[in-house]
Protein backbone atom coordinates (compact mmCIF):
# COMPACT_ATOMS: atom_id res chain seq x y z
CA MET A 1 1.41 -6.25 31.03
CA SER A 2 5.07 -5.36 31.53
CA SER A 3 6.40 -7.95 29.07
CA TRP A 4 3.86 -6.88 26.45
CA LEU A 5 4.77 -3.23 26.99
CA LEU A 6 8.48 -3.97 26.65
CA ARG A 7 7.91 -5.84 23.39
CA PHE A 8 5.71 -3.03 22.06
CA CYS A 9 8.23 -0.30 22.89
CA SER A 10 11.14 -2.35 21.57
CA GLY A 11 9.32 -3.06 18.31
CA LEU A 12 8.40 0.60 17.89
CA LEU A 13 11.99 1.69 18.44
CA ARG A 14 13.35 -0.87 15.97
CA MET A 15 10.78 0.17 13.38
CA CYS A 16 11.46 3.90 13.62
CA LEU A 17 15.15 4.17 14.53
CA PRO A 18 18.28 2.90 12.78
CA LEU A 19 18.97 -0.57 14.19
CA HIS A 20 22.35 0.24 15.76
CA ILE A 21 20.78 3.12 17.67
CA ALA A 22 17.62 1.19 18.55
CA ASP A 23 19.47 -1.81 19.97
CA ALA A 24 21.65 0.32 22.25
CA LEU A 25 18.69 2.41 23.40
CA ILE A 26 16.50 -0.63 24.06
CA GLY A 27 19.13 -2.11 26.35
CA ASP A 28 19.38 1.11 28.37
CA LEU A 29 15.60 1.52 28.58
CA HIS A 30 15.06 -2.07 29.71
CA GLU A 31 17.69 -1.77 32.42
CA GLU A 32 16.31 1.51 33.75
CA TYR A 33 12.72 0.25 33.49
CA ASN A 34 13.50 -2.88 35.53
CA THR A 35 15.25 -0.73 38.15
CA LYS A 36 12.27 1.59 38.49
CA LYS A 37 9.87 -1.36 38.66
CA LEU A 38 11.90 -2.97 41.45
CA ASP A 39 11.72 0.29 43.40
CA GLY A 40 8.07 -0.55 44.03
CA ASN A 41 6.03 1.54 41.57
CA PRO A 42 5.25 -0.49 38.39
CA SER A 43 2.72 2.06 37.10
CA SER A 44 5.26 4.87 37.31
CA ALA A 45 7.85 2.67 35.56
CA GLN A 46 5.42 1.93 32.72
CA ILE A 47 4.59 5.61 32.26
CA TRP A 48 8.31 6.41 32.25
CA LEU A 49 9.00 3.73 29.62
CA LEU A 50 6.23 5.00 27.34
CA SER A 51 7.34 8.62 27.67
CA GLN A 52 10.99 7.77 26.96
CA THR A 53 10.00 5.68 23.95
CA ALA A 54 7.84 8.51 22.59
CA ARG A 55 10.62 11.06 23.12
CA SER A 56 13.11 8.80 21.32
CA VAL A 57 10.83 7.96 18.40
CA TRP A 58 9.41 11.41 17.69
CA PRO A 59 12.50 13.03 16.07
CA PHE A 60 13.02 10.03 13.81
CA LEU A 61 9.36 9.99 12.75
CA LEU A 62 9.92 13.46 11.32
CA SER A 63 13.12 12.50 9.50
CA THR A 64 13.34 12.88 5.73
CA SER A 65 13.40 9.12 5.28
CA ASN A 66 10.27 8.43 7.32
CA THR A 67 8.44 11.41 5.83
CA LEU A 68 9.21 10.08 2.35
CA ARG A 69 8.03 6.61 3.31
CA ALA A 70 4.81 8.03 4.74
CA ILE A 71 4.08 10.06 1.59
CA MET A 72 4.69 7.12 -0.72
CA MET A 73 2.67 4.74 1.46
CA LEU A 74 -0.22 7.20 1.60
CA GLN A 75 -0.16 7.45 -2.18
CA GLY A 76 -0.17 3.66 -2.45
CA LEU A 77 -3.00 3.42 0.09
CA PHE A 78 -5.04 5.94 -1.90
CA VAL A 79 -4.63 3.97 -5.14
CA PHE A 80 -5.44 0.71 -3.35
CA THR A 81 -8.56 2.19 -1.73
CA ILE A 82 -9.90 3.81 -4.89
CA LEU A 83 -9.46 0.61 -6.89
CA ALA A 84 -11.05 -1.52 -4.16
CA VAL A 85 -14.05 0.82 -4.01
CA ALA A 86 -14.33 0.79 -7.83
CA ILE A 87 -14.35 -3.02 -7.87
CA MET A 88 -17.04 -3.09 -5.15
CA TYR A 89 -19.06 -0.48 -7.03
CA LEU A 90 -19.06 -2.45 -10.27
CA SER A 91 -19.85 -5.73 -8.49
CA ASN A 92 -22.83 -4.11 -6.70
CA MET A 93 -24.10 -2.02 -9.63
CA ASP A 94 -27.64 -3.04 -10.54
CA ASP A 95 -28.72 -0.02 -12.59
CA ALA A 96 -26.42 1.07 -15.43
CA SER A 97 -28.64 4.08 -16.14
CA ARG A 98 -27.24 5.77 -13.03
CA LEU A 99 -24.03 6.39 -14.97
CA SER A 100 -23.72 9.30 -17.38
CA VAL A 101 -24.19 8.89 -21.13
CA GLU A 102 -20.48 9.62 -21.63
CA PHE A 103 -19.39 6.69 -19.48
CA TRP A 104 -20.09 3.65 -21.66
CA PRO A 105 -18.44 4.97 -24.87
CA GLN A 106 -15.33 5.71 -22.79
CA TRP A 107 -15.55 2.28 -21.15
CA MET A 108 -15.78 0.56 -24.53
CA ALA A 109 -12.81 2.61 -25.74
CA GLY A 110 -10.66 1.02 -23.04
CA LYS A 111 -10.88 3.84 -20.53
CA PRO A 112 -12.51 2.33 -17.42
CA HIS A 113 -10.89 5.09 -15.34
CA GLN A 114 -13.78 7.23 -16.60
CA LEU A 115 -15.62 5.67 -13.65
CA PHE A 116 -13.68 7.95 -11.28
CA LEU A 117 -15.37 10.97 -12.90
CA GLU A 118 -18.86 9.66 -12.24
CA GLN A 119 -20.96 11.30 -9.53
CA ASP A 120 -22.74 8.04 -8.68
CA PHE A 121 -19.40 6.35 -8.00
CA TRP A 122 -18.41 8.98 -5.43
CA GLN A 123 -21.82 8.80 -3.81
CA PHE A 124 -21.26 5.07 -3.46
CA ALA A 125 -17.73 5.60 -2.15
CA PHE A 126 -18.87 7.90 0.65
CA ALA A 127 -22.07 6.03 1.49
CA ARG A 128 -22.23 4.81 5.07
CA GLU A 129 -24.01 1.53 4.47
CA LEU A 130 -22.04 -1.68 4.03
CA HIS A 131 -21.76 -3.10 0.53
CA GLU A 132 -21.86 -6.76 -0.43
CA SER A 133 -18.47 -8.41 -0.74
CA ASN A 134 -16.96 -11.86 -0.38
CA ILE A 135 -13.46 -13.25 -0.36
CA GLN A 136 -13.85 -14.92 -3.76
CA MET A 137 -14.48 -11.53 -5.35
CA TRP A 138 -10.96 -10.42 -4.40
CA LEU A 139 -9.14 -13.50 -5.67
CA ASN A 140 -8.14 -13.51 -9.32
CA PRO A 141 -5.61 -16.27 -10.11
CA LEU A 142 -4.11 -14.72 -13.26
CA SER A 143 -3.69 -11.34 -11.61
CA MET A 144 -2.18 -12.98 -8.54
CA ALA A 145 0.26 -14.87 -10.74
CA TYR A 146 1.29 -11.68 -12.52
CA ALA A 147 1.69 -9.81 -9.23
CA GLY A 148 3.82 -12.62 -7.83
CA LEU A 149 6.08 -12.71 -10.90
CA ALA A 150 6.41 -8.92 -10.88
CA TRP A 151 7.38 -8.97 -7.19
CA VAL A 152 10.00 -11.68 -7.75
CA LEU A 153 11.44 -9.78 -10.72
CA ILE A 154 11.72 -6.55 -8.74
CA LYS A 155 13.33 -8.21 -5.72
CA ARG A 156 15.78 -10.10 -7.95
CA ALA A 157 16.67 -6.87 -9.74
CA GLU A 158 17.36 -5.26 -6.37
CA LYS A 159 19.73 -8.04 -5.26
CA GLN A 160 21.43 -9.22 -8.43
CA ILE A 161 21.39 -6.32 -10.90
CA GLU A 162 23.03 -2.99 -10.20
CA LEU A 163 20.26 -0.76 -11.51
CA SER A 164 20.34 2.99 -11.08
CA LEU A 165 17.64 4.66 -9.03
CA ILE A 166 15.90 5.91 -12.20
CA ALA A 167 15.99 2.40 -13.68
CA GLN A 168 14.47 0.97 -10.48
CA LEU A 169 11.70 3.55 -10.60
CA PHE A 170 10.96 2.80 -14.25
CA LEU A 171 10.94 -0.94 -13.58
CA VAL A 172 8.41 -0.63 -10.76
CA ALA A 173 6.24 1.87 -12.66
CA GLY A 174 6.37 -0.23 -15.83
CA LEU A 175 5.29 -3.43 -14.09
CA MET A 176 2.43 -1.57 -12.43
CA VAL A 177 1.20 0.03 -15.65
CA LEU A 178 1.75 -2.92 -18.02
CA PRO A 179 -1.54 -4.78 -17.23
CA TYR A 180 -3.50 -1.57 -17.72
CA LEU A 181 -1.87 -0.84 -21.08
CA TRP A 182 -2.42 -4.45 -22.15
CA GLY A 183 -6.12 -4.14 -21.34
CA VAL A 184 -6.43 -0.89 -23.29
CA LEU A 185 -4.78 -2.60 -26.27
CA ILE A 186 -7.28 -5.46 -26.14
CA PHE A 187 -10.16 -2.98 -26.16
CA ILE A 188 -8.71 -1.14 -29.15
CA LEU A 189 -7.78 -4.17 -31.24
CA PHE A 190 -10.68 -6.54 -30.56
CA GLN A 191 -13.53 -4.19 -29.57
CA PRO A 192 -15.16 -6.83 -27.33
CA GLU A 193 -18.86 -6.98 -26.61
CA ILE A 194 -19.88 -5.19 -23.45
CA ARG A 195 -20.68 -8.47 -21.67
CA LEU A 196 -17.04 -9.54 -22.15
CA THR A 197 -15.45 -6.33 -20.88
CA GLY A 198 -15.69 -7.15 -17.17
CA PRO A 199 -12.90 -9.77 -17.15
CA ILE A 200 -10.69 -7.43 -19.18
CA VAL A 201 -11.08 -4.64 -16.65
CA VAL A 202 -10.40 -7.15 -13.86
CA SER A 203 -7.10 -8.02 -15.54
CA MET A 204 -6.29 -4.28 -15.72
CA TRP A 205 -7.09 -3.39 -12.12
CA PHE A 206 -6.39 -6.42 -9.95
CA PRO A 207 -2.61 -6.65 -10.53
CA VAL A 208 -2.32 -3.02 -9.45
CA LEU A 209 -4.52 -3.72 -6.43
CA TYR A 210 -2.25 -6.58 -5.36
CA LEU A 211 1.03 -4.77 -6.02
CA VAL A 212 0.50 -1.17 -5.02
CA LEU A 213 0.95 -1.45 -1.24
CA PRO A 214 4.03 -3.74 -1.11
CA LEU A 215 5.64 -1.91 -4.02
CA SER A 216 5.00 1.48 -2.43
CA TRP A 217 6.82 0.33 0.70
CA SER A 218 9.64 -1.29 -1.27
CA LEU A 219 10.03 1.74 -3.51
CA ALA A 220 10.15 4.09 -0.54
CA ASN A 221 12.95 2.01 0.98
CA ILE A 222 14.86 1.91 -2.32
CA VAL A 223 14.64 5.69 -2.73
CA SER A 224 15.65 6.46 0.85
CA CYS A 225 18.59 4.03 0.72
CA ARG A 226 19.83 5.21 -2.65
CA LEU A 227 19.60 8.87 -1.60
CA GLY A 228 21.29 8.11 1.71
CA LEU A 229 18.38 9.42 3.79
CA ASN A 230 18.32 8.58 7.49
């Protein structure tokens, strides 16, 4: 228990505090914790360690940097969740008449986001029963390849190219939006039959699904570092 608790508290401190502060604090906490444990009351030492860790972490959790990270990660999590639910909804939909008459013309015009205005979609989203899903449904090779290339490009730009903060933001936003714009263009130019529209929408949504969480975290770190937030 004690070794697990020490690792947990040390990891929490390193995650929330600047490393030079965390490393010094961890050493002091470990030394004092071991002293208290040797005094003959391990439970009291564990409570003391947890309380000291909480007191040390709390001010940094409310820092501008961590608040910014939390906001951006919550936004990314929202986009990820809404897309995942939309994909599950379409894969489980067995009665197209449940959608409004305005939906399909918008869908065929390259606007699948019209789904998020549908009452039946939100009823599905907040339903308590489990919906059918399997791992194969979430694996799309082309979208995974695009997401991987986009991630490599962004990380290389961070390390090798001195881009301004605005340029970094535009790069990330552009790579996220590009598959969606490409899908809309296909709808407009080729006007595919409705039976062929599913794969197109997959190519519009899945790259965003794969990228939104890691890019939200990376973007939050870029912004906080560039603005000098601690």
